[in-house]
N, C-alpha and C. Protein backbone atom coordinates (compact mmCIF):
# COMPACT_ATOMS: atom_id res chain seq x y z
N MET A 1 -134.47 24.93 21.29
CA MET A 1 -135.81 25.11 20.78
C MET A 1 -135.32 25.83 19.65
N SER A 2 -136.36 25.04 18.29
CA SER A 2 -135.99 25.88 17.17
C SER A 2 -136.80 27.25 16.91
N GLU A 3 -136.39 27.31 15.52
CA GLU A 3 -136.72 29.02 15.49
C GLU A 3 -138.15 29.11 15.30
N LEU A 4 -139.23 28.24 15.30
CA LEU A 4 -140.63 27.99 14.96
C LEU A 4 -140.49 28.46 16.40
N SER A 5 -140.19 27.30 17.34
CA SER A 5 -140.62 27.60 19.19
C SER A 5 -140.47 28.54 19.52
N THR A 6 -139.52 29.29 19.26
CA THR A 6 -138.97 30.57 19.53
C THR A 6 -140.42 31.73 19.29
N LEU A 7 -140.23 31.46 18.47
CA LEU A 7 -141.70 32.37 17.64
C LEU A 7 -142.62 32.39 18.32
N LEU A 8 -143.39 31.16 17.79
CA LEU A 8 -144.59 31.04 19.12
C LEU A 8 -144.33 31.11 20.18
N ALA A 9 -143.56 30.97 20.82
CA ALA A 9 -143.56 31.20 22.76
C ALA A 9 -143.59 32.58 22.33
N ASP A 10 -142.82 33.22 21.77
CA ASP A 10 -142.70 34.56 22.11
C ASP A 10 -143.83 35.80 21.16
N LEU A 11 -144.89 34.47 20.88
CA LEU A 11 -145.96 35.33 20.68
C LEU A 11 -145.90 36.20 19.11
N LYS A 12 -145.02 35.92 17.72
CA LYS A 12 -144.25 36.62 16.63
C LYS A 12 -145.26 36.33 15.54
N GLU A 13 -146.60 36.66 15.53
CA GLU A 13 -147.70 35.71 14.85
C GLU A 13 -147.20 35.51 13.16
N GLN A 14 -146.57 36.73 13.07
CA GLN A 14 -146.36 36.60 11.24
C GLN A 14 -145.08 36.23 10.99
N GLU A 15 -143.72 36.34 12.10
CA GLU A 15 -142.61 35.98 11.50
C GLU A 15 -143.03 34.70 11.53
N ALA A 16 -143.64 33.94 13.25
CA ALA A 16 -144.15 32.29 12.66
C ALA A 16 -145.10 31.91 11.85
N LEU A 17 -145.31 33.02 11.47
CA LEU A 17 -146.72 32.23 10.32
C LEU A 17 -145.64 31.47 8.53
N ASP A 18 -144.49 33.29 8.90
CA ASP A 18 -143.78 33.03 7.63
C ASP A 18 -142.53 32.13 7.22
N ALA A 19 -142.03 31.76 9.05
CA ALA A 19 -141.45 30.87 9.15
C ALA A 19 -142.24 29.23 8.71
N VAL A 20 -142.93 29.13 9.23
CA VAL A 20 -143.69 27.97 9.03
C VAL A 20 -143.72 27.48 6.95
N LYS A 21 -144.44 28.91 6.45
CA LYS A 21 -144.31 28.77 4.82
C LYS A 21 -142.89 28.06 4.22
N LYS A 22 -141.71 28.65 5.10
CA LYS A 22 -140.59 28.40 4.10
C LYS A 22 -139.98 27.18 5.03
N MET A 23 -140.52 26.49 5.79
CA MET A 23 -140.13 25.22 6.13
C MET A 23 -140.90 23.97 5.24
N LEU A 24 -142.65 24.41 4.88
CA LEU A 24 -143.25 23.59 3.95
C LEU A 24 -141.96 23.82 2.77
N GLY A 25 -142.05 25.04 2.23
CA GLY A 25 -141.33 25.09 0.88
C GLY A 25 -140.08 24.57 1.04
N ASP A 26 -139.42 24.29 2.21
CA ASP A 26 -138.11 23.42 1.54
C ASP A 26 -137.91 21.85 2.00
N GLY A 27 -139.44 21.84 2.13
CA GLY A 27 -139.98 20.28 1.94
C GLY A 27 -139.48 19.14 3.15
N LEU A 28 -139.73 19.89 4.39
CA LEU A 28 -139.59 19.75 5.83
C LEU A 28 -141.13 19.18 6.24
N ASP A 29 -140.06 17.95 7.07
CA ASP A 29 -141.58 16.81 7.63
C ASP A 29 -142.48 17.95 8.07
N PRO A 30 -143.62 17.82 8.28
CA PRO A 30 -144.66 18.67 8.81
C PRO A 30 -144.93 18.28 9.90
N MET A 31 -144.96 16.86 10.42
CA MET A 31 -145.21 16.16 11.64
C MET A 31 -143.92 17.30 12.64
N GLN A 32 -142.37 17.37 12.23
CA GLN A 32 -141.81 18.30 12.96
C GLN A 32 -142.23 19.34 12.61
N ILE A 33 -143.00 19.70 11.78
CA ILE A 33 -143.14 21.18 12.07
C ILE A 33 -144.15 21.84 13.22
N LEU A 34 -144.96 21.24 13.55
CA LEU A 34 -145.72 20.39 14.52
C LEU A 34 -145.30 20.19 15.65
N ALA A 35 -144.64 19.44 15.77
CA ALA A 35 -143.75 19.41 16.94
C ALA A 35 -142.91 20.03 17.65
N ASP A 36 -142.58 21.33 16.79
CA ASP A 36 -141.55 22.56 16.85
C ASP A 36 -142.91 23.33 17.62
N ALA A 37 -143.99 23.64 17.17
CA ALA A 37 -145.15 24.16 16.97
C ALA A 37 -145.86 24.38 18.85
N ARG A 38 -145.82 22.76 19.23
CA ARG A 38 -145.93 22.18 20.12
C ARG A 38 -145.04 22.33 21.57
N GLU A 39 -144.04 22.22 21.06
CA GLU A 39 -143.02 22.81 21.89
C GLU A 39 -142.66 24.33 22.47
N GLY A 40 -142.91 25.25 21.67
CA GLY A 40 -143.81 26.72 21.98
C GLY A 40 -144.71 26.62 22.23
N MET A 41 -146.07 25.90 22.36
CA MET A 41 -146.66 26.19 23.11
C MET A 41 -146.78 25.49 24.57
N GLN A 42 -145.47 24.86 24.53
CA GLN A 42 -145.59 24.28 26.23
C GLN A 42 -144.91 25.60 26.52
N VAL A 43 -143.79 26.21 26.42
CA VAL A 43 -143.34 27.43 26.48
C VAL A 43 -144.27 28.40 26.92
N VAL A 44 -144.79 28.49 25.97
CA VAL A 44 -146.88 29.65 26.68
C VAL A 44 -147.35 28.84 27.78
N GLY A 45 -147.71 27.95 28.03
CA GLY A 45 -147.82 27.44 28.72
C GLY A 45 -147.08 27.81 30.44
N LYS A 46 -145.78 27.65 30.28
CA LYS A 46 -144.98 27.57 31.60
C LYS A 46 -144.96 29.03 31.69
N ARG A 47 -144.95 30.06 30.45
CA ARG A 47 -144.43 31.44 30.86
C ARG A 47 -146.14 31.70 31.74
N PHE A 48 -147.38 30.96 31.32
CA PHE A 48 -149.17 31.69 31.66
C PHE A 48 -148.89 31.03 33.26
N GLY A 49 -147.85 29.99 33.58
CA GLY A 49 -148.69 29.18 35.12
C GLY A 49 -147.28 30.03 35.77
N ASN A 50 -146.91 30.48 35.28
CA ASN A 50 -145.44 31.62 36.74
C ASN A 50 -145.73 32.76 36.73
N GLY A 51 -147.00 33.13 36.12
CA GLY A 51 -146.44 34.92 35.55
C GLY A 51 -146.73 35.73 34.63
N GLU A 52 -145.91 35.17 33.60
CA GLU A 52 -145.27 36.12 32.86
C GLU A 52 -146.06 36.46 31.71
N TYR A 53 -147.14 35.63 31.45
CA TYR A 53 -148.52 35.24 30.34
C TYR A 53 -149.58 35.55 30.83
N PHE A 54 -150.52 36.66 30.29
CA PHE A 54 -151.85 35.79 31.25
C PHE A 54 -152.72 35.30 30.08
N ILE A 55 -154.42 35.44 30.44
CA ILE A 55 -155.25 34.17 29.37
C ILE A 55 -155.08 35.13 28.13
N PRO A 56 -155.30 36.66 27.99
CA PRO A 56 -155.16 36.52 26.50
C PRO A 56 -154.07 36.62 25.52
N ASP A 57 -152.96 36.43 26.48
CA ASP A 57 -151.80 35.17 25.51
C ASP A 57 -151.69 33.99 25.45
N LEU A 58 -152.43 33.83 26.51
CA LEU A 58 -152.95 32.32 25.50
C LEU A 58 -153.67 32.34 24.45
N ILE A 59 -154.84 32.66 24.62
CA ILE A 59 -155.59 32.87 23.74
C ILE A 59 -154.90 33.62 22.37
N TYR A 60 -154.48 34.76 22.29
CA TYR A 60 -153.65 34.43 21.34
C TYR A 60 -152.84 33.47 20.66
N SER A 61 -151.44 33.08 21.71
CA SER A 61 -151.32 31.73 20.92
C SER A 61 -151.71 31.13 20.09
N GLY A 62 -152.91 30.46 20.95
CA GLY A 62 -153.85 29.95 20.28
C GLY A 62 -154.28 30.01 19.07
N GLU A 63 -154.26 30.97 18.56
CA GLU A 63 -154.60 31.39 17.50
C GLU A 63 -153.62 31.28 16.00
N ILE A 64 -152.05 31.86 17.03
CA ILE A 64 -151.32 31.43 15.75
C ILE A 64 -151.04 29.81 15.73
N LEU A 65 -151.27 29.01 17.12
CA LEU A 65 -151.29 28.04 16.63
C LEU A 65 -152.05 27.30 15.63
N LYS A 66 -153.64 27.61 15.26
CA LYS A 66 -154.47 27.71 14.65
C LYS A 66 -154.13 27.97 13.32
N GLY A 67 -153.58 29.09 13.11
CA GLY A 67 -152.86 29.23 11.48
C GLY A 67 -151.80 27.90 11.21
N ILE A 68 -151.00 27.84 12.02
CA ILE A 68 -150.09 27.06 11.82
C ILE A 68 -150.55 25.56 11.32
N ALA A 69 -151.73 25.14 11.56
CA ALA A 69 -152.41 23.97 11.73
C ALA A 69 -152.66 23.59 10.24
N GLN A 70 -153.36 25.38 10.26
CA GLN A 70 -154.51 25.43 9.00
C GLN A 70 -153.05 25.65 7.48
N MET A 71 -152.33 25.92 8.21
CA MET A 71 -151.06 25.43 7.03
C MET A 71 -150.67 24.22 6.43
N VAL A 72 -149.97 23.82 7.52
CA VAL A 72 -149.38 22.02 7.68
C VAL A 72 -150.22 21.12 7.17
N GLU A 73 -152.15 21.49 7.90
CA GLU A 73 -152.77 20.43 7.85
C GLU A 73 -152.95 19.44 5.89
N PRO A 74 -152.40 20.22 5.08
CA PRO A 74 -153.36 20.18 3.83
C PRO A 74 -151.74 18.93 3.51
N TYR A 75 -150.88 19.16 3.60
CA TYR A 75 -149.24 18.76 3.72
C TYR A 75 -149.13 16.96 4.46
N ILE A 76 -149.99 17.25 5.83
CA ILE A 76 -150.10 15.76 6.03
C ILE A 76 -150.38 14.99 5.70
N LYS A 77 -151.60 15.33 5.07
CA LYS A 77 -152.75 14.45 4.36
C LYS A 77 -152.40 14.45 2.93
N ASP A 78 -151.32 14.73 2.51
CA ASP A 78 -150.86 14.16 1.03
C ASP A 78 -149.56 13.24 1.70
N SER A 79 -149.28 13.79 2.67
CA SER A 79 -148.26 12.59 3.03
C SER A 79 -148.71 11.05 3.70
N GLY A 80 -150.25 11.36 4.07
CA GLY A 80 -150.27 10.40 4.23
C GLY A 80 -150.14 9.65 6.01
N VAL A 81 -149.67 10.84 6.44
CA VAL A 81 -149.41 10.40 7.79
C VAL A 81 -150.53 10.61 9.03
N GLU A 82 -151.01 9.59 9.98
CA GLU A 82 -151.61 9.69 11.14
C GLU A 82 -150.79 10.42 12.04
N THR A 83 -151.95 11.48 12.63
CA THR A 83 -151.15 11.72 13.82
C THR A 83 -151.46 10.94 15.16
N LYS A 84 -150.76 10.24 16.01
CA LYS A 84 -150.99 9.13 16.80
C LYS A 84 -151.28 10.10 18.02
N LYS A 85 -152.22 9.83 18.84
CA LYS A 85 -152.29 10.45 20.16
C LYS A 85 -151.94 9.72 20.88
N ILE A 86 -152.02 10.20 22.25
CA ILE A 86 -151.20 9.78 23.60
C ILE A 86 -152.69 8.75 24.29
N GLY A 87 -153.63 9.34 24.47
CA GLY A 87 -154.72 8.88 24.91
C GLY A 87 -155.82 9.50 25.36
N LYS A 88 -157.15 9.10 25.57
CA LYS A 88 -158.26 9.71 25.55
C LYS A 88 -158.67 10.24 27.00
N VAL A 89 -158.77 11.44 26.91
CA VAL A 89 -159.32 12.41 27.77
C VAL A 89 -160.58 13.21 27.61
N ILE A 90 -161.59 12.72 29.06
CA ILE A 90 -163.27 13.16 29.04
C ILE A 90 -162.64 15.12 29.55
N ILE A 91 -163.09 15.73 29.01
CA ILE A 91 -163.23 16.90 29.82
C ILE A 91 -165.10 17.84 30.18
N ALA A 92 -165.09 17.60 31.33
CA ALA A 92 -166.27 18.75 31.70
C ALA A 92 -166.20 19.79 32.75
N THR A 93 -167.25 20.86 32.81
CA THR A 93 -167.26 21.92 33.29
C THR A 93 -168.86 20.90 34.53
N VAL A 94 -168.75 20.33 35.57
CA VAL A 94 -169.82 20.08 36.24
C VAL A 94 -171.28 20.36 36.43
N ALA A 95 -172.57 19.97 36.58
CA ALA A 95 -173.68 20.21 36.33
C ALA A 95 -173.89 21.69 37.52
N GLY A 96 -174.50 22.40 37.09
CA GLY A 96 -174.90 23.44 38.26
C GLY A 96 -173.61 25.10 37.73
N ASP A 97 -172.55 24.14 37.00
CA ASP A 97 -171.35 25.03 37.14
C ASP A 97 -171.52 25.36 35.33
N ILE A 98 -171.58 26.69 35.07
CA ILE A 98 -171.52 27.90 33.95
C ILE A 98 -170.38 27.73 32.91
N HIS A 99 -169.32 27.81 33.73
CA HIS A 99 -167.79 28.78 33.76
C HIS A 99 -167.13 27.55 32.70
N ASP A 100 -166.54 28.49 31.97
CA ASP A 100 -165.94 27.70 30.57
C ASP A 100 -164.48 27.65 30.46
N ILE A 101 -163.78 29.21 30.54
CA ILE A 101 -162.74 29.51 30.23
C ILE A 101 -161.64 28.52 30.50
N GLY A 102 -162.28 28.03 31.93
CA GLY A 102 -159.92 26.94 32.39
C GLY A 102 -160.35 26.13 31.77
N LYS A 103 -161.96 25.89 31.87
CA LYS A 103 -162.37 24.38 31.22
C LYS A 103 -161.32 24.68 29.30
N ASP A 104 -161.50 25.69 29.11
CA ASP A 104 -161.46 25.43 27.42
C ASP A 104 -160.13 25.80 27.49
N LEU A 105 -159.21 26.31 28.05
CA LEU A 105 -157.69 26.26 28.14
C LEU A 105 -157.08 24.85 28.56
N VAL A 106 -157.77 24.22 29.44
CA VAL A 106 -157.15 22.83 29.52
C VAL A 106 -157.63 22.16 28.47
N VAL A 107 -158.81 21.69 27.59
CA VAL A 107 -158.95 21.37 26.41
C VAL A 107 -157.51 21.31 25.92
N PHE A 108 -157.76 22.84 24.91
CA PHE A 108 -156.77 23.53 24.20
C PHE A 108 -155.25 22.71 24.86
N MET A 109 -154.52 23.00 25.64
CA MET A 109 -153.51 22.45 25.94
C MET A 109 -153.71 21.16 25.95
N LEU A 110 -154.34 20.28 26.33
CA LEU A 110 -154.41 18.75 26.25
C LEU A 110 -154.39 18.11 24.82
N ASP A 111 -155.29 19.15 23.84
CA ASP A 111 -155.34 18.88 22.20
C ASP A 111 -153.64 19.29 21.68
N ILE A 112 -153.12 20.37 22.07
CA ILE A 112 -151.82 20.42 21.34
C ILE A 112 -151.16 19.65 21.88
N SER A 113 -151.08 19.40 22.74
CA SER A 113 -149.97 18.37 23.68
C SER A 113 -150.33 16.46 22.99
N GLY A 114 -151.25 16.11 22.35
CA GLY A 114 -151.21 15.08 21.96
C GLY A 114 -152.51 14.17 21.80
N PHE A 115 -153.15 14.65 23.42
CA PHE A 115 -154.27 13.96 23.12
C PHE A 115 -155.70 13.96 23.04
N GLU A 116 -156.68 12.75 22.40
CA GLU A 116 -157.44 13.41 21.97
C GLU A 116 -158.44 13.06 22.98
N VAL A 117 -158.95 14.35 22.95
CA VAL A 117 -160.23 15.19 24.00
C VAL A 117 -161.86 15.18 23.48
N TYR A 118 -162.44 15.10 24.67
CA TYR A 118 -163.58 15.30 24.51
C TYR A 118 -164.75 16.29 25.66
N ASP A 119 -164.84 16.77 24.30
CA ASP A 119 -165.41 18.10 25.50
C ASP A 119 -166.56 18.28 25.47
N LEU A 120 -167.15 17.47 26.62
CA LEU A 120 -168.41 18.38 26.62
C LEU A 120 -169.43 18.70 27.15
N GLY A 121 -168.69 19.93 27.20
CA GLY A 121 -169.17 21.16 27.48
C GLY A 121 -169.88 21.97 28.96
N ILE A 122 -170.29 22.76 29.08
CA ILE A 122 -170.68 23.24 30.57
C ILE A 122 -171.84 23.14 31.04
N ASP A 123 -171.97 22.87 32.70
CA ASP A 123 -173.32 22.42 33.57
C ASP A 123 -173.71 20.87 33.05
N VAL A 124 -172.73 19.86 32.52
CA VAL A 124 -172.87 18.63 32.02
C VAL A 124 -173.13 17.22 33.62
N PRO A 125 -174.80 16.74 33.43
CA PRO A 125 -175.05 16.31 33.87
C PRO A 125 -174.25 15.05 34.49
N VAL A 126 -174.22 14.32 35.50
CA VAL A 126 -173.87 13.33 36.10
C VAL A 126 -173.63 12.09 35.06
N GLN A 127 -174.87 12.07 34.32
CA GLN A 127 -174.69 10.62 33.87
C GLN A 127 -174.04 10.79 32.28
N THR A 128 -174.34 12.18 31.75
CA THR A 128 -173.91 12.07 30.37
C THR A 128 -172.12 11.89 30.51
N ILE A 129 -171.36 12.31 31.76
CA ILE A 129 -170.02 11.46 31.78
C ILE A 129 -169.96 10.34 32.02
N VAL A 130 -170.70 9.50 32.54
CA VAL A 130 -171.15 8.30 33.18
C VAL A 130 -171.59 8.09 31.71
N ASN A 131 -171.66 7.82 30.60
CA ASN A 131 -172.13 7.56 29.19
C ASN A 131 -170.99 7.71 28.68
N LYS A 132 -170.57 8.81 28.69
CA LYS A 132 -169.36 8.50 27.65
C LYS A 132 -167.84 7.70 27.73
N ILE A 133 -167.70 7.58 29.33
CA ILE A 133 -166.58 7.06 29.95
C ILE A 133 -166.93 5.58 29.17
N LYS A 134 -168.15 5.04 28.92
CA LYS A 134 -168.49 3.47 28.78
C LYS A 134 -168.26 4.28 27.39
N GLU A 135 -168.81 4.93 26.38
CA GLU A 135 -168.89 4.96 25.07
C GLU A 135 -167.63 4.72 24.55
N THR A 136 -166.14 5.58 24.65
CA THR A 136 -165.00 6.00 24.16
C THR A 136 -164.12 4.92 25.73
N GLY A 137 -163.80 4.68 26.24
CA GLY A 137 -163.23 3.86 27.11
C GLY A 137 -162.00 4.35 27.16
N SER A 138 -162.10 5.87 28.13
CA SER A 138 -161.58 7.06 28.44
C SER A 138 -161.01 6.96 29.81
N THR A 139 -159.69 6.51 30.49
CA THR A 139 -159.69 6.36 31.12
C THR A 139 -158.85 7.66 32.27
N VAL A 140 -159.07 8.36 31.67
CA VAL A 140 -158.61 10.08 32.19
C VAL A 140 -160.01 10.74 32.44
N VAL A 141 -160.41 11.22 33.18
CA VAL A 141 -161.58 12.69 33.48
C VAL A 141 -161.56 13.90 34.28
N GLY A 142 -161.54 14.86 33.11
CA GLY A 142 -161.26 15.89 34.05
C GLY A 142 -162.43 16.70 34.40
N LEU A 143 -162.59 17.24 35.34
CA LEU A 143 -163.90 17.78 35.89
C LEU A 143 -163.61 18.88 36.82
N SER A 144 -164.37 20.43 35.67
CA SER A 144 -163.85 21.27 36.29
C SER A 144 -165.17 22.36 36.85
N GLY A 145 -164.73 23.21 37.91
CA GLY A 145 -166.02 23.48 38.53
C GLY A 145 -165.28 24.98 39.04
N PHE A 146 -166.03 26.54 38.53
CA PHE A 146 -165.05 27.53 39.47
C PHE A 146 -166.19 28.24 40.71
N LEU A 147 -167.21 27.59 40.51
CA LEU A 147 -168.40 27.90 42.28
C LEU A 147 -167.92 26.52 43.05
N THR A 148 -168.28 27.25 44.17
CA THR A 148 -167.77 25.97 45.11
C THR A 148 -169.35 25.07 45.24
N LEU A 149 -170.28 25.57 44.71
CA LEU A 149 -171.60 24.59 44.40
C LEU A 149 -171.01 23.24 43.44
N ALA A 150 -169.89 23.28 42.45
CA ALA A 150 -169.65 22.67 42.21
C ALA A 150 -169.04 21.51 42.82
N PHE A 151 -168.48 21.48 43.96
CA PHE A 151 -167.61 20.52 44.61
C PHE A 151 -168.52 19.78 44.81
N ASP A 152 -169.88 19.56 45.30
CA ASP A 152 -170.60 18.91 45.60
C ASP A 152 -171.14 18.14 44.29
N ALA A 153 -171.38 18.84 43.14
CA ALA A 153 -171.69 17.87 41.71
C ALA A 153 -170.05 16.91 41.40
N MET A 154 -168.91 17.25 41.27
CA MET A 154 -168.03 16.56 40.85
C MET A 154 -168.14 15.06 42.12
N LYS A 155 -167.88 15.73 43.71
CA LYS A 155 -168.71 14.60 44.10
C LYS A 155 -169.68 13.32 43.80
N GLU A 156 -170.34 13.66 43.20
CA GLU A 156 -171.64 13.27 42.76
C GLU A 156 -171.51 12.29 41.67
N THR A 157 -170.41 12.94 40.86
CA THR A 157 -170.22 12.59 39.19
C THR A 157 -169.51 11.31 40.34
N ILE A 158 -168.25 11.40 40.64
CA ILE A 158 -167.20 10.31 40.81
C ILE A 158 -168.02 9.20 41.85
N ASP A 159 -169.48 9.42 42.40
CA ASP A 159 -169.77 8.64 43.18
C ASP A 159 -170.49 7.65 41.80
N ALA A 160 -170.94 8.50 41.10
CA ALA A 160 -171.67 7.72 39.94
C ALA A 160 -171.00 6.68 39.03
N ILE A 161 -169.78 7.24 38.79
CA ILE A 161 -168.46 6.41 38.21
C ILE A 161 -168.26 5.36 38.89
N LYS A 162 -168.27 5.60 40.10
CA LYS A 162 -167.74 4.14 41.11
C LYS A 162 -169.11 3.58 41.29
N ALA A 163 -170.31 3.98 41.20
CA ALA A 163 -171.77 3.29 41.07
C ALA A 163 -171.83 2.04 39.55
N ALA A 164 -171.06 3.02 39.03
CA ALA A 164 -171.59 2.55 37.42
C ALA A 164 -170.32 1.22 37.42
N GLY A 165 -169.57 0.89 38.26
CA GLY A 165 -168.20 0.43 38.30
C GLY A 165 -167.29 0.48 37.03
N LEU A 166 -167.05 1.83 36.97
CA LEU A 166 -165.87 2.28 36.23
C LEU A 166 -164.76 3.17 37.02
N ARG A 167 -165.02 3.17 38.05
CA ARG A 167 -164.03 3.99 38.30
C ARG A 167 -162.37 3.19 38.75
N ASP A 168 -162.56 1.77 38.95
CA ASP A 168 -161.03 0.93 39.65
C ASP A 168 -159.99 1.45 38.18
N ASN A 169 -160.35 1.41 37.00
CA ASN A 169 -159.37 1.72 35.92
C ASN A 169 -159.77 2.94 35.78
N LEU A 170 -159.90 3.82 35.89
CA LEU A 170 -160.09 5.72 35.85
C LEU A 170 -159.53 6.31 36.77
N LYS A 171 -158.91 7.20 35.97
CA LYS A 171 -158.16 8.51 36.79
C LYS A 171 -158.85 9.83 36.50
N VAL A 172 -159.10 10.43 37.80
CA VAL A 172 -160.07 11.93 37.65
C VAL A 172 -158.99 12.53 38.21
N MET A 173 -158.91 13.70 37.49
CA MET A 173 -158.74 15.05 37.67
C MET A 173 -159.45 16.14 38.18
N ILE A 174 -159.30 17.00 39.10
CA ILE A 174 -159.97 18.23 39.16
C ILE A 174 -159.94 19.22 39.01
N GLY A 175 -160.45 20.28 38.58
CA GLY A 175 -159.76 22.02 38.72
C GLY A 175 -160.49 23.04 38.71
N GLY A 176 -160.17 24.34 38.90
CA GLY A 176 -161.20 25.39 38.75
C GLY A 176 -160.67 26.59 40.74
N GLY A 177 -161.26 27.49 40.24
CA GLY A 177 -161.10 28.75 40.92
C GLY A 177 -160.78 28.33 42.27
N GLN A 178 -161.74 27.71 42.96
CA GLN A 178 -161.65 27.60 44.39
C GLN A 178 -160.53 25.97 44.92
N ILE A 179 -160.81 25.34 44.65
CA ILE A 179 -159.99 23.92 44.64
C ILE A 179 -158.49 23.65 44.90
N ASP A 180 -158.79 22.51 46.14
CA ASP A 180 -157.13 22.42 46.90
C ASP A 180 -157.48 21.26 47.07
N GLU A 181 -156.73 20.38 48.11
CA GLU A 181 -156.37 19.29 48.74
C GLU A 181 -157.64 19.19 49.26
N GLU A 182 -157.70 19.45 50.44
CA GLU A 182 -159.45 19.26 51.24
C GLU A 182 -160.38 19.08 49.49
N VAL A 183 -160.96 20.05 48.40
CA VAL A 183 -161.78 19.21 48.00
C VAL A 183 -161.44 18.33 47.19
N ARG A 184 -160.23 17.85 46.50
CA ARG A 184 -160.03 16.63 46.39
C ARG A 184 -160.33 15.45 47.39
N LYS A 185 -159.67 15.72 48.22
CA LYS A 185 -159.97 14.70 49.15
C LYS A 185 -161.89 14.62 49.49
N TYR A 186 -162.48 15.40 49.39
CA TYR A 186 -163.78 15.67 49.55
C TYR A 186 -164.86 14.83 48.51
N THR A 187 -164.29 15.16 47.38
CA THR A 187 -165.19 14.68 46.28
C THR A 187 -164.59 13.02 45.78
N GLY A 188 -162.96 12.91 46.04
CA GLY A 188 -162.60 11.77 46.15
C GLY A 188 -161.89 11.65 44.44
N ALA A 189 -161.89 12.68 44.43
CA ALA A 189 -160.80 12.94 42.92
C ALA A 189 -159.39 11.95 43.56
N ASP A 190 -158.52 11.75 42.04
CA ASP A 190 -157.09 11.41 42.56
C ASP A 190 -156.04 12.25 42.56
N ALA A 191 -156.72 13.35 41.83
CA ALA A 191 -155.80 14.62 41.66
C ALA A 191 -156.21 15.97 41.49
N TYR A 192 -155.64 17.41 41.91
CA TYR A 192 -156.20 18.04 41.20
C TYR A 192 -154.99 19.46 40.84
N GLY A 193 -155.64 20.19 39.81
CA GLY A 193 -154.56 20.74 38.84
C GLY A 193 -154.13 22.67 39.07
N LYS A 194 -153.83 23.69 39.48
CA LYS A 194 -154.23 24.56 39.29
C LYS A 194 -154.04 25.51 38.77
N ASP A 195 -153.74 24.48 36.74
CA ASP A 195 -153.92 25.32 36.04
C ASP A 195 -153.73 24.06 34.75
N ALA A 196 -153.96 24.69 33.40
CA ALA A 196 -153.93 24.42 32.17
C ALA A 196 -152.47 22.91 32.14
N MET A 197 -151.62 23.63 32.52
CA MET A 197 -150.67 22.62 32.04
C MET A 197 -150.47 21.99 33.09
N ALA A 198 -150.71 21.75 34.10
CA ALA A 198 -151.22 20.74 35.70
C ALA A 198 -151.62 19.57 35.26
N ALA A 199 -153.04 20.13 34.10
CA ALA A 199 -153.84 18.91 33.75
C ALA A 199 -153.12 18.39 32.79
N VAL A 200 -152.12 18.76 32.17
CA VAL A 200 -151.16 17.95 30.97
C VAL A 200 -150.56 17.28 31.71
N THR A 201 -149.77 17.84 32.59
CA THR A 201 -148.34 17.01 33.17
C THR A 201 -149.21 15.75 33.79
N LEU A 202 -150.59 15.90 34.62
CA LEU A 202 -151.26 14.65 34.78
C LEU A 202 -151.49 13.68 34.29
N ALA A 203 -151.83 14.38 32.95
CA ALA A 203 -152.74 13.24 31.87
C ALA A 203 -151.78 12.68 31.25
N LYS A 204 -150.21 13.17 31.50
CA LYS A 204 -149.25 12.40 30.52
C LYS A 204 -148.49 11.15 31.38
N GLY A 205 -148.68 11.85 33.41
CA GLY A 205 -148.15 10.58 34.15
C GLY A 205 -149.18 9.38 33.90
N TRP A 206 -150.54 10.24 33.52
CA TRP A 206 -151.39 8.63 33.97
C TRP A 206 -151.60 7.73 32.61
N LEU A 207 -151.38 8.18 31.34
CA LEU A 207 -151.26 7.65 30.36
C LEU A 207 -150.07 7.60 29.66
N CYS A 208 -148.53 7.96 29.91
CA CYS A 208 -147.91 8.17 28.96
C CYS A 208 -146.97 6.95 29.11
């Protein structure tokens, strides 16, 4: 791991920002700096997954990353380099559920992992999700729900996607507090993820 990856993974904000400033001053490729930052965030995600880090740590690491991105962005624009996205992913907390912490973490981790993410928000009607699939051509949809009542909404959403003729080339992952393999079978989803890193792994498996 690079120095920047390690500093970000260890949540050393000032040291990480100082390192970025020096790297930019030395003329390093801004895309490489972002790649190093992304590697550090992946370590943060793993530490969260195995219980070393908690939600406040994830949020803090996101703030550090935001600071790095703000420093690097002008240099990317100047170099004319476009960041190529891996693929498109739609994320929504399903109708009837207003929990967004889990969803927001998934959106964040997908975004810094290189995906183009469409975050539809919370309590999202079935038709809104169907329309967004048609509009974007996305082949991966993530449905989030913390409450048990979300299971029926997930099933209705997936049934509606099928009825619209969009299911064959689409992968659906679900996630949330109570979700397990039985819920996955009930809803008709392709997979479920226990946390944000699992969502990234699934999306990469389907799109890369």
